Amino acid sequence: MPSDSSLSRREFSKLVALAAAGSAVPGETLRRAPAAVSAPDAWPGYDNAVVIDLLATAGPFNVPGMFDNPLTPAMVDNAARSGITAVNSTVSEITTGDKAFELTVKNIAAWDYELEHHPNVFTLVRRLEDIRAAKKERRVGVILGFQDTVPYADKIDRIDLFHRLGVRIVQLTYNGSNLVGDGCLVPNDAGLKPYGREVLAKLNELGTLIDVSHVGWDTTRQAIGASRAPIAATHTGAAAVNNVPRNKPDDILRSIAQRGGVVGVYMMPFLRASGQPNADDFLRHLSHCLDVCGEDHVGIGSDLSITPLDLTPEFRKVHADFVKVRRARGVSAPGEDENVFNYVPDFNTPRRLELVADRLAAAGHSAGRIEKIIGGNWVRLLGEVWK
């Protein structure tokens, strides 16, 4: 769930007067967390594995103003010690027309700034070799991604432009309808539109990974059938475990896997029907996806900032106001709640994927399977699509 630029620019200052000079919200509310203490039964392979979170970022996420300020030192430090090899970081904006284009370019420029100022921590990923280099150099690879195709508008040549700027993962729609197809909140999903088929074919041609996480179920089914390359749902859950629009039914999960794609499980409120999700909720969705898709087709896309949440009163207000605005604009999915936060408390650490690996090991999963889930399956998929 990316930020909403219309809120961040017009209303953000009213919502948040607490931002410290030079820090981004939640620069104060997302503070440095203490290093996770390894349990005696911790899985020993994490630091040697290629670890990929295919929907995450180093800075603020799921809040307004994601790119309003540079990363704080704590955010940079959290990324550096996370053990994550690469993330898919959203740079697109939820808005329309030329504003979507302009703000998306601005967001890419913001990442250029961070890459320039923190070259020992971050590196841009354009090809699979960049991920391997990031692992070798102990840096965090940044894959630029879209969660909507609205920055393209009706100008298909913009796909080439953004590809040259580094965009390598593109989600077709975000909850609502656009020129490509329908999102998961559209009551009568009409599927891929003619222009959507053109966009999909162009993305295939350029070797861009197509993402269907927020995409409507019928549009997703048609995208799977139309794509010449495997696709992904980088951050979703299983509708069989919790039947809400943001989760995918088994036939879609199975089709993604059968065509070589990967399903990434997130750490969002949609993991359960009500209340704050916990580690067991996450593992139920992960286990179901493993049963349906097989161990070669499941990964993790947390949909979080690498920096853990600090639920201060100020942040609680920011979150509540943000959810209300999203509801008013019709982009809030069932499960978003003023009092339920976008995280799994049990995994509230920069090294959250290490804790997932520990849980999987404790449940009896093999080292090979764990390596696939925390990154190996994404490496295989990206290698096939980015050729």
Protein backbone atom coordinates (compact mmCIF):
# COMPACT_ATOMS: atom_id res chain seq x y z
CA MET A 1 0.00 0.00 0.00
CA PRO A 2 1.96 3.04 -1.20
CA SER A 3 1.53 6.61 -0.08
CA ASP A 4 -1.14 8.92 -1.46
CA SER A 5 0.50 12.00 -2.92
CA SER A 6 -2.68 14.08 -2.76
CA LEU A 7 -2.72 13.68 1.00
CA SER A 8 0.98 14.24 1.46
CA ARG A 9 1.12 17.51 -0.43
CA ARG A 10 -2.17 19.16 0.53
CA GLU A 11 -2.94 17.82 3.98
CA PHE A 12 0.26 16.35 5.29
CA SER A 13 1.40 19.46 7.14
CA LYS A 14 -1.95 19.57 8.95
CA LEU A 15 -1.69 15.93 9.98
CA VAL A 16 1.91 15.92 11.06
CA ALA A 17 3.54 18.87 12.72
CA LEU A 18 5.85 16.57 14.61
CA ALA A 19 8.44 15.79 11.97
CA ALA A 20 11.86 16.75 13.17
CA ALA A 21 13.97 18.94 10.93
CA GLY A 22 15.51 16.86 8.16
CA SER A 23 13.56 13.72 9.02
CA ALA A 24 10.73 12.11 7.09
CA VAL A 25 7.55 10.91 8.68
CA PRO A 26 7.78 8.55 10.31
CA GLY A 27 11.36 9.62 10.93
CA GLU A 28 10.58 10.05 14.59
CA THR A 29 7.92 7.38 14.79
CA LEU A 30 10.00 4.79 12.94
CA ARG A 31 12.98 4.83 15.23
CA ARG A 32 15.95 2.56 15.32
CA ALA A 33 14.99 -0.72 16.93
CA PRO A 34 17.41 -2.74 19.02
CA ALA A 35 19.15 -5.52 17.19
CA ALA A 36 17.25 -8.76 17.25
CA VAL A 37 18.75 -11.27 19.67
CA SER A 38 19.29 -14.61 18.01
CA ALA A 39 17.52 -17.47 19.72
CA PRO A 40 19.48 -20.61 20.50
CA ASP A 41 17.55 -22.43 17.75
CA ALA A 42 17.97 -19.64 15.17
CA TRP A 43 18.43 -20.81 11.58
CA PRO A 44 22.15 -20.46 10.82
CA GLY A 45 21.91 -19.79 7.08
CA TYR A 46 20.45 -16.28 6.98
CA ASP A 47 23.62 -14.25 6.56
CA ASN A 48 24.82 -16.44 3.69
CA ALA A 49 21.48 -16.52 1.84
CA VAL A 50 20.32 -14.15 -0.88
CA VAL A 51 17.45 -12.44 0.93
CA ILE A 52 14.84 -10.58 -1.13
CA ASP A 53 11.77 -8.73 0.09
CA LEU A 54 9.87 -7.99 -3.11
CA LEU A 55 7.79 -5.17 -1.68
CA ALA A 56 9.62 -3.05 0.86
CA THR A 57 11.69 0.08 1.13
CA ALA A 58 14.29 1.70 3.33
CA GLY A 59 12.30 4.81 4.16
CA PRO A 60 8.75 5.58 5.28
CA PHE A 61 6.09 3.34 3.76
CA ASN A 62 2.30 3.10 3.96
CA VAL A 63 2.23 6.66 5.24
CA PRO A 64 1.88 10.05 3.54
CA GLY A 65 4.98 11.84 2.35
CA MET A 66 7.18 8.86 1.65
CA PHE A 67 9.61 10.89 -0.44
CA ASP A 68 9.20 14.29 1.21
CA ASN A 69 12.55 14.11 3.02
CA PRO A 70 15.84 12.21 2.78
CA LEU A 71 16.32 9.01 4.73
CA THR A 72 17.28 9.50 8.35
CA PRO A 73 20.54 8.00 9.68
CA ALA A 74 18.49 5.40 11.60
CA MET A 75 16.72 4.29 8.42
CA VAL A 76 20.01 3.91 6.58
CA ASP A 77 21.47 1.99 9.52
CA ASN A 78 18.45 -0.33 9.69
CA ALA A 79 18.78 -1.12 5.99
CA ALA A 80 22.51 -1.78 6.35
CA ARG A 81 22.06 -4.31 9.15
CA SER A 82 18.87 -5.94 7.85
CA GLY A 83 20.65 -8.71 5.98
CA ILE A 84 18.37 -8.01 3.02
CA THR A 85 20.01 -8.34 -0.38
CA ALA A 86 17.38 -6.51 -2.44
CA VAL A 87 13.95 -4.87 -2.19
CA ASN A 88 11.29 -3.82 -4.69
CA SER A 89 10.77 -0.17 -3.74
CA THR A 90 7.62 1.58 -4.97
CA VAL A 91 8.21 4.86 -6.83
CA SER A 92 4.85 5.30 -8.57
CA GLU A 93 2.11 7.57 -7.22
CA ILE A 94 -1.63 7.03 -6.78
CA THR A 95 -3.04 9.92 -8.76
CA THR A 96 -3.85 10.68 -12.38
CA GLY A 97 -2.69 12.53 -15.46
CA ASP A 98 0.52 14.49 -15.70
CA LYS A 99 0.72 14.71 -11.91
CA ALA A 100 1.28 10.94 -11.69
CA PHE A 101 4.07 11.19 -14.24
CA GLU A 102 5.76 14.17 -12.59
CA LEU A 103 5.60 12.83 -9.04
CA THR A 104 6.90 9.43 -10.13
CA VAL A 105 9.90 11.03 -11.80
CA LYS A 106 10.43 13.05 -8.62
CA ASN A 107 10.36 9.85 -6.54
CA ILE A 108 12.94 8.21 -8.79
CA ALA A 109 15.10 11.30 -8.37
CA ALA A 110 14.75 10.92 -4.59
CA TRP A 111 16.19 7.42 -4.85
CA ASP A 112 19.00 8.74 -7.06
CA TYR A 113 19.86 11.10 -4.19
CA GLU A 114 20.00 8.25 -1.67
CA LEU A 115 22.08 6.07 -3.98
CA GLU A 116 24.54 8.91 -4.43
CA HIS A 117 24.77 9.77 -0.73
CA HIS A 118 24.88 6.22 0.64
CA PRO A 119 26.86 4.20 -1.93
CA ASN A 120 28.18 1.82 0.72
CA VAL A 121 24.64 0.85 1.75
CA PHE A 122 22.48 1.01 -1.39
CA THR A 123 22.93 0.05 -5.03
CA LEU A 124 20.51 0.26 -7.96
CA VAL A 125 19.38 -3.05 -9.44
CA ARG A 126 18.74 -3.20 -13.19
CA ARG A 127 19.71 -6.81 -13.86
CA LEU A 128 20.20 -10.06 -11.97
CA GLU A 129 23.96 -9.54 -11.81
CA ASP A 130 23.32 -6.43 -9.70
CA ILE A 131 21.58 -8.55 -7.07
CA ARG A 132 24.49 -10.96 -6.96
CA ALA A 133 26.91 -8.03 -6.64
CA ALA A 134 24.80 -6.54 -3.83
CA LYS A 135 25.06 -9.80 -1.91
CA LYS A 136 28.81 -10.00 -2.41
CA GLU A 137 29.31 -6.39 -1.35
CA ARG A 138 26.83 -6.58 1.55
CA ARG A 139 24.75 -3.74 0.16
CA VAL A 140 20.97 -3.44 -0.26
CA GLY A 141 19.91 -3.61 -3.89
CA VAL A 142 17.08 -1.24 -4.79
CA ILE A 143 14.70 -2.40 -7.52
CA LEU A 144 12.47 0.45 -8.68
CA GLY A 145 8.85 -0.66 -9.00
CA PHE A 146 5.39 0.64 -9.87
CA GLN A 147 2.17 -0.22 -8.04
CA ASP A 148 0.05 1.24 -10.81
CA THR A 149 0.44 1.98 -14.52
CA VAL A 150 -1.11 5.47 -14.25
CA PRO A 151 2.30 7.20 -14.74
CA TYR A 152 2.22 5.84 -18.31
CA ALA A 153 -1.25 7.34 -18.93
CA ASP A 154 -2.14 6.63 -22.57
CA LYS A 155 1.44 7.17 -23.76
CA ILE A 156 2.89 3.71 -24.24
CA ASP A 157 6.31 5.15 -25.11
CA ARG A 158 6.63 6.11 -21.44
CA ILE A 159 7.19 2.45 -20.69
CA ASP A 160 10.53 2.72 -22.48
CA LEU A 161 11.31 5.95 -20.65
CA PHE A 162 10.73 4.52 -17.20
CA HIS A 163 12.57 1.34 -18.12
CA ARG A 164 15.60 3.46 -18.99
CA LEU A 165 15.20 5.16 -15.59
CA GLY A 166 15.47 1.75 -13.92
CA VAL A 167 11.90 0.53 -13.37
CA ARG A 168 11.94 -3.27 -13.47
CA ILE A 169 8.68 -4.33 -11.74
CA VAL A 170 5.24 -3.00 -12.73
CA GLN A 171 1.89 -3.72 -11.10
CA LEU A 172 -0.92 -3.32 -13.63
CA THR A 173 -3.56 -1.65 -11.43
CA TYR A 174 -3.90 -0.38 -7.87
CA ASN A 175 -7.27 -1.35 -6.31
CA GLY A 176 -9.33 0.77 -8.73
CA SER A 177 -9.77 0.90 -12.48
CA ASN A 178 -7.32 2.44 -14.94
CA LEU A 179 -6.63 2.32 -18.68
CA VAL A 180 -5.07 -1.14 -18.35
CA GLY A 181 -7.71 -3.03 -16.37
CA ASP A 182 -9.56 -3.27 -13.07
CA GLY A 183 -8.20 -3.43 -9.54
CA CYS A 184 -9.35 -5.68 -6.74
CA LEU A 185 -11.91 -3.17 -5.38
CA VAL A 186 -13.84 -2.85 -8.66
CA PRO A 187 -17.18 -4.67 -8.11
CA ASN A 188 -17.56 -5.86 -11.70
CA ASP A 189 -14.06 -6.63 -12.88
CA ALA A 190 -14.14 -6.43 -16.68
CA GLY A 191 -10.63 -7.78 -17.17
CA LEU A 192 -7.76 -6.49 -19.28
CA LYS A 193 -8.66 -3.65 -21.59
CA PRO A 194 -7.29 -3.45 -25.16
CA TYR A 195 -4.71 -0.87 -24.09
CA GLY A 196 -3.84 -3.11 -21.16
CA ARG A 197 -2.90 -5.88 -23.54
CA GLU A 198 -0.62 -3.47 -25.38
CA VAL A 199 1.01 -2.42 -22.11
CA LEU A 200 1.45 -6.01 -21.01
CA ALA A 201 3.04 -6.97 -24.33
CA LYS A 202 5.44 -4.01 -24.12
CA LEU A 203 6.43 -4.93 -20.56
CA ASN A 204 7.08 -8.48 -21.75
CA GLU A 205 9.19 -7.17 -24.59
CA LEU A 206 11.37 -5.12 -22.25
CA GLY A 207 11.74 -7.93 -19.72
CA THR A 208 9.84 -6.19 -16.93
CA LEU A 209 8.30 -8.32 -14.18
CA ILE A 210 4.51 -7.95 -14.21
CA ASP A 211 2.90 -7.71 -10.77
CA VAL A 212 -0.78 -8.46 -10.06
CA SER A 213 -0.91 -7.94 -6.29
CA HIS A 214 -3.66 -5.27 -6.19
CA VAL A 215 -5.18 -6.34 -9.50
CA GLY A 216 -8.78 -7.60 -9.76
CA TRP A 217 -9.21 -11.32 -9.88
CA ASP A 218 -10.54 -11.52 -13.46
CA THR A 219 -8.01 -8.99 -14.72
CA THR A 220 -5.35 -11.11 -13.00
CA ARG A 221 -6.58 -14.29 -14.67
CA GLN A 222 -6.45 -12.63 -18.08
CA ALA A 223 -3.01 -11.15 -17.41
CA ILE A 224 -1.65 -14.57 -16.50
CA GLY A 225 -3.01 -15.96 -19.78
CA ALA A 226 -1.81 -13.05 -21.90
CA SER A 227 1.72 -12.73 -20.54
CA ARG A 228 4.52 -14.42 -22.48
CA ALA A 229 6.63 -14.51 -19.30
CA PRO A 230 5.97 -15.67 -15.75
CA ILE A 231 4.36 -13.05 -13.51
CA ALA A 232 4.19 -12.39 -9.78
CA ALA A 233 1.87 -11.31 -7.04
CA THR A 234 4.69 -9.71 -5.06
CA HIS A 235 2.61 -8.86 -1.97
CA THR A 236 -0.64 -10.69 -1.33
CA GLY A 237 -2.22 -13.44 0.73
CA ALA A 238 -4.48 -16.46 0.33
CA ALA A 239 -8.23 -15.84 0.00
CA ALA A 240 -8.81 -19.38 1.25
CA VAL A 241 -7.36 -18.28 4.60
CA ASN A 242 -9.00 -14.83 4.70
CA ASN A 243 -11.42 -14.02 1.92
CA VAL A 244 -10.87 -10.32 1.19
CA PRO A 245 -10.20 -8.63 -2.18
CA ARG A 246 -6.49 -8.11 -1.49
CA ASN A 247 -5.91 -11.86 -1.18
CA LYS A 248 -5.92 -14.27 -4.13
CA PRO A 249 -8.08 -17.39 -4.59
CA ASP A 250 -6.44 -20.75 -5.08
CA ASP A 251 -7.03 -20.94 -8.83
CA ILE A 252 -5.05 -17.72 -9.32
CA LEU A 253 -2.27 -18.80 -6.95
CA ARG A 254 -2.04 -22.10 -8.79
CA SER A 255 -2.03 -20.48 -12.24
CA ILE A 256 0.76 -18.08 -11.29
CA ALA A 257 2.85 -21.04 -10.12
CA GLN A 258 2.03 -23.30 -13.07
CA ARG A 259 3.33 -20.65 -15.46
CA GLY A 260 6.55 -20.24 -13.51
CA GLY A 261 5.64 -17.23 -11.39
CA VAL A 262 5.97 -16.54 -7.68
CA VAL A 263 3.50 -15.46 -4.99
CA GLY A 264 4.86 -13.20 -2.25
CA VAL A 265 3.12 -13.21 1.12
CA TYR A 266 2.82 -9.87 2.90
CA MET A 267 2.67 -8.78 6.55
CA MET A 268 -0.46 -6.66 6.33
CA PRO A 269 -3.84 -6.48 8.14
CA PHE A 270 -5.44 -8.58 5.37
CA LEU A 271 -3.88 -11.71 6.89
CA ARG A 272 -6.82 -12.02 9.29
CA ALA A 273 -10.48 -11.02 9.44
CA SER A 274 -10.06 -8.55 12.29
CA GLY A 275 -7.48 -7.38 14.79
CA GLN A 276 -3.73 -7.07 14.51
CA PRO A 277 -2.13 -9.93 12.55
CA ASN A 278 0.59 -11.97 14.20
CA ALA A 279 3.30 -14.38 13.11
CA ASP A 280 0.93 -17.35 13.15
CA ASP A 281 -1.42 -15.56 10.74
CA PHE A 282 1.47 -14.87 8.38
CA LEU A 283 2.66 -18.47 8.56
CA ARG A 284 -0.85 -19.79 7.85
CA HIS A 285 -0.93 -17.85 4.59
CA LEU A 286 2.62 -18.88 3.74
CA SER A 287 1.86 -22.54 4.42
CA HIS A 288 -1.30 -22.42 2.33
CA CYS A 289 0.57 -20.87 -0.58
CA LEU A 290 3.24 -23.57 -0.28
CA ASP A 291 0.53 -26.24 -0.41
CA VAL A 292 -1.12 -24.70 -3.48
CA CYS A 293 1.90 -23.40 -5.40
CA GLY A 294 4.79 -25.59 -4.29
CA GLU A 295 8.04 -24.56 -2.66
CA ASP A 296 9.51 -23.18 -5.91
CA HIS A 297 6.83 -20.52 -6.28
CA VAL A 298 6.45 -18.78 -2.91
CA GLY A 299 8.36 -15.80 -1.54
CA ILE A 300 7.92 -12.78 0.71
CA GLY A 301 6.85 -9.23 -0.09
CA SER A 302 6.31 -7.74 3.35
CA ASP A 303 4.78 -4.43 2.13
CA LEU A 304 6.69 -2.65 4.92
CA SER A 305 9.52 -0.28 5.63
CA ILE A 306 12.72 -2.01 6.68
CA THR A 307 12.67 0.29 9.72
CA PRO A 308 10.28 -1.10 12.36
CA LEU A 309 7.19 0.70 13.57
CA ASP A 310 7.18 2.68 16.81
CA LEU A 311 3.51 3.14 17.71
CA THR A 312 3.71 6.55 19.35
CA PRO A 313 0.50 8.56 19.83
CA GLU A 314 1.61 10.83 16.99
CA PHE A 315 2.05 7.93 14.61
CA ARG A 316 -1.30 6.43 15.61
CA LYS A 317 -2.98 9.70 14.61
CA VAL A 318 -1.10 9.85 11.30
CA HIS A 319 -2.19 6.30 10.53
CA ALA A 320 -5.84 6.86 11.52
CA ASP A 321 -6.12 10.03 9.46
CA PHE A 322 -4.42 8.35 6.50
CA VAL A 323 -6.92 5.46 6.54
CA LYS A 324 -9.85 7.90 6.70
CA VAL A 325 -8.57 9.83 3.69
CA ARG A 326 -8.03 6.61 1.73
CA ARG A 327 -11.59 5.54 2.49
CA ALA A 328 -12.93 8.90 1.33
CA ARG A 329 -11.02 8.52 -1.95
CA GLY A 330 -12.20 4.94 -2.51
CA VAL A 331 -8.75 3.32 -2.43
CA SER A 332 -8.97 1.72 1.02
CA ALA A 333 -9.32 -2.06 0.86
CA PRO A 334 -11.49 -4.07 3.29
CA GLY A 335 -9.25 -4.81 6.27
CA GLU A 336 -7.67 -1.37 6.53
CA ASP A 337 -8.53 0.02 9.95
CA GLU A 338 -7.61 3.06 12.03
CA ASN A 339 -6.61 0.79 14.92
CA VAL A 340 -4.88 -2.00 13.00
CA PHE A 341 -1.38 -1.24 11.82
CA ASN A 342 0.57 -2.29 8.75
CA TYR A 343 2.94 -4.75 10.33
CA VAL A 344 3.26 -8.04 12.21
CA PRO A 345 4.46 -7.20 15.74
CA ASP A 346 6.37 -10.49 16.07
CA PHE A 347 8.51 -9.48 13.08
CA ASN A 348 8.97 -5.80 13.95
CA THR A 349 12.70 -5.66 13.32
CA PRO A 350 14.93 -4.84 10.33
CA ARG A 351 15.88 -8.53 10.31
CA ARG A 352 12.29 -9.72 10.05
CA LEU A 353 13.05 -12.18 7.28
CA GLU A 354 15.59 -13.83 9.57
CA LEU A 355 12.82 -14.36 12.12
CA VAL A 356 10.65 -15.87 9.38
CA ALA A 357 13.50 -18.23 8.52
CA ASP A 358 13.82 -19.17 12.20
CA ARG A 359 10.09 -19.97 12.37
CA LEU A 360 10.27 -22.07 9.23
CA ALA A 361 13.26 -23.99 10.54
CA ALA A 362 11.50 -24.61 13.85
CA ALA A 363 8.52 -25.99 11.90
CA GLY A 364 10.77 -28.52 10.19
CA HIS A 365 11.27 -26.94 6.78
CA SER A 366 14.56 -27.81 5.10
CA ALA A 367 17.37 -25.31 4.59
CA GLY A 368 16.85 -25.54 0.84
CA ARG A 369 13.18 -24.64 1.11
CA ILE A 370 13.89 -21.76 3.49
CA GLU A 371 16.49 -20.34 1.10
CA LYS A 372 13.94 -20.44 -1.72
CA ILE A 373 11.23 -18.68 0.31
CA ILE A 374 13.38 -15.85 1.67
CA GLY A 375 14.92 -15.02 -1.69
CA GLY A 376 15.90 -17.88 -3.95
CA ASN A 377 12.57 -18.09 -5.76
CA TRP A 378 12.67 -14.38 -6.54
CA VAL A 379 16.20 -14.77 -7.91
CA ARG A 380 15.05 -17.55 -10.22
CA LEU A 381 12.00 -15.58 -11.42
CA LEU A 382 13.85 -12.31 -11.99
CA GLY A 383 16.57 -14.16 -13.85
CA GLU A 384 13.99 -15.63 -16.22
CA VAL A 385 12.03 -12.41 -16.78
CA TRP A 386 14.91 -9.93 -16.95
CA LYS A 387 16.80 -11.80 -19.71
